[in-house]
Amino acid sequence: MAQTIEISPIDVMALKKLAVINGALAKTLTGVASREQTALLRVLIDVVNRAELANATEKAGA
């Protein structure tokens, strides 16, 4: 069962900054650590994209 959460625009901005930092970290690491950070980066980007889409849809419907 899917659940809905709300992510404010400020939270989205913080997640974007975290993704940038995580991406830089992933580039400096090697091996398993690099792969794990890259996987985390993909998840962060997906969450940011979904939150931005939800916020845009909400604004368009209002």
N, C-alpha and C. Protein backbone atom coordinates (compact mmCIF):
# COMPACT_ATOMS: atom_id res chain seq x y z
N MET A 1 0.84 -1.17 0.00
CA MET A 1 0.00 0.00 0.00
C MET A 1 0.89 1.24 0.00
N ALA A 2 0.64 2.13 -0.95
CA ALA A 2 1.43 3.35 -1.07
C ALA A 2 0.94 4.39 -0.07
N GLN A 3 1.87 5.10 0.50
CA GLN A 3 1.52 6.17 1.42
C GLN A 3 2.05 7.48 0.86
N THR A 4 1.43 8.55 1.25
CA THR A 4 1.81 9.87 0.77
C THR A 4 2.49 10.65 1.89
N ILE A 5 3.58 11.32 1.52
CA ILE A 5 4.24 12.23 2.45
C ILE A 5 4.37 13.58 1.77
N GLU A 6 4.44 14.62 2.54
CA GLU A 6 4.63 15.96 1.99
C GLU A 6 6.07 16.40 2.24
N ILE A 7 6.66 16.94 1.20
CA ILE A 7 8.02 17.47 1.30
C ILE A 7 7.95 18.93 0.87
N SER A 8 8.29 19.81 1.77
CA SER A 8 8.21 21.25 1.49
C SER A 8 9.30 21.66 0.50
N PRO A 9 9.11 22.79 -0.17
CA PRO A 9 10.14 23.27 -1.09
C PRO A 9 11.50 23.47 -0.42
N ILE A 10 11.51 23.85 0.84
CA ILE A 10 12.79 24.01 1.56
C ILE A 10 13.46 22.64 1.75
N ASP A 11 12.64 21.63 2.06
CA ASP A 11 13.18 20.28 2.20
C ASP A 11 13.75 19.78 0.87
N VAL A 12 13.07 20.10 -0.23
CA VAL A 12 13.55 19.70 -1.56
C VAL A 12 14.90 20.35 -1.82
N MET A 13 15.03 21.62 -1.48
CA MET A 13 16.30 22.32 -1.67
C MET A 13 17.41 21.65 -0.85
N ALA A 14 17.11 21.28 0.38
CA ALA A 14 18.10 20.61 1.23
C ALA A 14 18.48 19.26 0.64
N LEU A 15 17.50 18.53 0.11
CA LEU A 15 17.80 17.23 -0.52
C LEU A 15 18.67 17.41 -1.76
N LYS A 16 18.44 18.47 -2.52
CA LYS A 16 19.27 18.75 -3.70
C LYS A 16 20.72 19.00 -3.28
N LYS A 17 20.90 19.78 -2.22
CA LYS A 17 22.25 20.05 -1.74
C LYS A 17 22.91 18.77 -1.25
N LEU A 18 22.14 17.94 -0.56
CA LEU A 18 22.67 16.66 -0.10
C LEU A 18 23.07 15.79 -1.28
N ALA A 19 22.28 15.81 -2.35
CA ALA A 19 22.60 15.02 -3.54
C ALA A 19 23.90 15.51 -4.18
N VAL A 20 24.10 16.82 -4.22
CA VAL A 20 25.34 17.36 -4.80
C VAL A 20 26.54 16.91 -3.98
N ILE A 21 26.43 17.01 -2.67
CA ILE A 21 27.52 16.59 -1.79
C ILE A 21 27.76 15.09 -1.93
N ASN A 22 26.69 14.32 -1.98
CA ASN A 22 26.81 12.88 -2.11
C ASN A 22 27.46 12.50 -3.43
N GLY A 23 27.10 13.21 -4.50
CA GLY A 23 27.70 12.94 -5.81
C GLY A 23 29.20 13.22 -5.80
N ALA A 24 29.59 14.31 -5.16
CA ALA A 24 31.02 14.63 -5.06
C ALA A 24 31.75 13.57 -4.25
N LEU A 25 31.13 13.12 -3.18
CA LEU A 25 31.74 12.07 -2.36
C LEU A 25 31.88 10.78 -3.15
N ALA A 26 30.86 10.43 -3.91
CA ALA A 26 30.89 9.19 -4.70
C ALA A 26 32.04 9.21 -5.70
N LYS A 27 32.35 10.40 -6.24
CA LYS A 27 33.44 10.51 -7.22
C LYS A 27 34.80 10.32 -6.57
N THR A 28 34.93 10.65 -5.29
CA THR A 28 36.23 10.55 -4.63
C THR A 28 36.49 9.15 -4.07
N LEU A 29 35.44 8.38 -3.88
CA LEU A 29 35.58 7.04 -3.32
C LEU A 29 35.83 6.02 -4.42
N THR A 30 36.24 4.83 -4.01
CA THR A 30 36.44 3.74 -4.96
C THR A 30 35.75 2.49 -4.45
N GLY A 31 35.59 1.53 -5.33
CA GLY A 31 35.07 0.22 -4.95
C GLY A 31 33.64 0.25 -4.46
N VAL A 32 33.40 -0.57 -3.44
CA VAL A 32 32.05 -0.74 -2.90
C VAL A 32 31.51 0.58 -2.36
N ALA A 33 32.34 1.35 -1.68
CA ALA A 33 31.89 2.62 -1.11
C ALA A 33 31.38 3.56 -2.20
N SER A 34 32.07 3.60 -3.32
CA SER A 34 31.64 4.44 -4.43
C SER A 34 30.31 3.97 -4.99
N ARG A 35 30.16 2.67 -5.15
CA ARG A 35 28.89 2.13 -5.67
C ARG A 35 27.74 2.41 -4.71
N GLU A 36 27.99 2.28 -3.42
CA GLU A 36 26.94 2.55 -2.43
C GLU A 36 26.53 4.02 -2.45
N GLN A 37 27.49 4.92 -2.54
CA GLN A 37 27.18 6.35 -2.58
C GLN A 37 26.45 6.71 -3.87
N THR A 38 26.82 6.07 -4.97
CA THR A 38 26.14 6.31 -6.24
C THR A 38 24.70 5.81 -6.18
N ALA A 39 24.49 4.66 -5.54
CA ALA A 39 23.12 4.14 -5.38
C ALA A 39 22.30 5.10 -4.52
N LEU A 40 22.89 5.61 -3.45
CA LEU A 40 22.20 6.58 -2.60
C LEU A 40 21.88 7.84 -3.39
N LEU A 41 22.80 8.28 -4.22
CA LEU A 41 22.58 9.46 -5.06
C LEU A 41 21.38 9.26 -5.97
N ARG A 42 21.27 8.09 -6.58
CA ARG A 42 20.12 7.80 -7.45
C ARG A 42 18.81 7.88 -6.68
N VAL A 43 18.81 7.36 -5.47
CA VAL A 43 17.60 7.42 -4.64
C VAL A 43 17.26 8.87 -4.30
N LEU A 44 18.26 9.64 -3.91
CA LEU A 44 18.03 11.06 -3.59
C LEU A 44 17.47 11.82 -4.79
N ILE A 45 18.03 11.58 -5.96
CA ILE A 45 17.55 12.25 -7.16
C ILE A 45 16.11 11.86 -7.45
N ASP A 46 15.78 10.58 -7.28
CA ASP A 46 14.42 10.12 -7.50
C ASP A 46 13.44 10.79 -6.52
N VAL A 47 13.83 10.88 -5.26
CA VAL A 47 12.98 11.52 -4.26
C VAL A 47 12.78 13.00 -4.59
N VAL A 48 13.84 13.68 -4.97
CA VAL A 48 13.75 15.09 -5.33
C VAL A 48 12.82 15.27 -6.53
N ASN A 49 13.00 14.44 -7.55
CA ASN A 49 12.16 14.56 -8.75
C ASN A 49 10.69 14.32 -8.42
N ARG A 50 10.41 13.31 -7.62
CA ARG A 50 9.02 13.03 -7.24
C ARG A 50 8.43 14.16 -6.42
N ALA A 51 9.22 14.71 -5.51
CA ALA A 51 8.73 15.81 -4.67
C ALA A 51 8.45 17.05 -5.52
N GLU A 52 9.34 17.35 -6.45
CA GLU A 52 9.13 18.51 -7.31
C GLU A 52 7.89 18.33 -8.18
N LEU A 53 7.69 17.13 -8.70
CA LEU A 53 6.51 16.84 -9.51
C LEU A 53 5.24 16.98 -8.68
N ALA A 54 5.26 16.44 -7.47
CA ALA A 54 4.09 16.53 -6.60
C ALA A 54 3.79 17.98 -6.24
N ASN A 55 4.82 18.76 -5.93
CA ASN A 55 4.62 20.17 -5.59
C ASN A 55 4.09 20.95 -6.79
N ALA A 56 4.61 20.66 -7.99
CA ALA A 56 4.14 21.35 -9.20
C ALA A 56 2.70 20.97 -9.51
N THR A 57 2.36 19.70 -9.34
CA THR A 57 0.99 19.24 -9.59
C THR A 57 0.03 19.88 -8.60
N GLU A 58 0.47 19.97 -7.36
CA GLU A 58 -0.37 20.58 -6.31
C GLU A 58 -0.62 22.05 -6.61
N LYS A 59 0.41 22.76 -7.06
CA LYS A 59 0.26 24.18 -7.38
C LYS A 59 -0.65 24.37 -8.59
N ALA A 60 -0.54 23.48 -9.58
CA ALA A 60 -1.37 23.59 -10.78
C ALA A 60 -2.84 23.31 -10.47
N GLY A 61 -3.08 22.45 -9.49
CA GLY A 61 -4.45 22.11 -9.12
C GLY A 61 -5.10 23.13 -8.21
N ALA A 62 -4.29 23.97 -7.60
CA ALA A 62 -4.82 24.94 -6.62
C ALA A 62 -5.41 26.16 -7.28
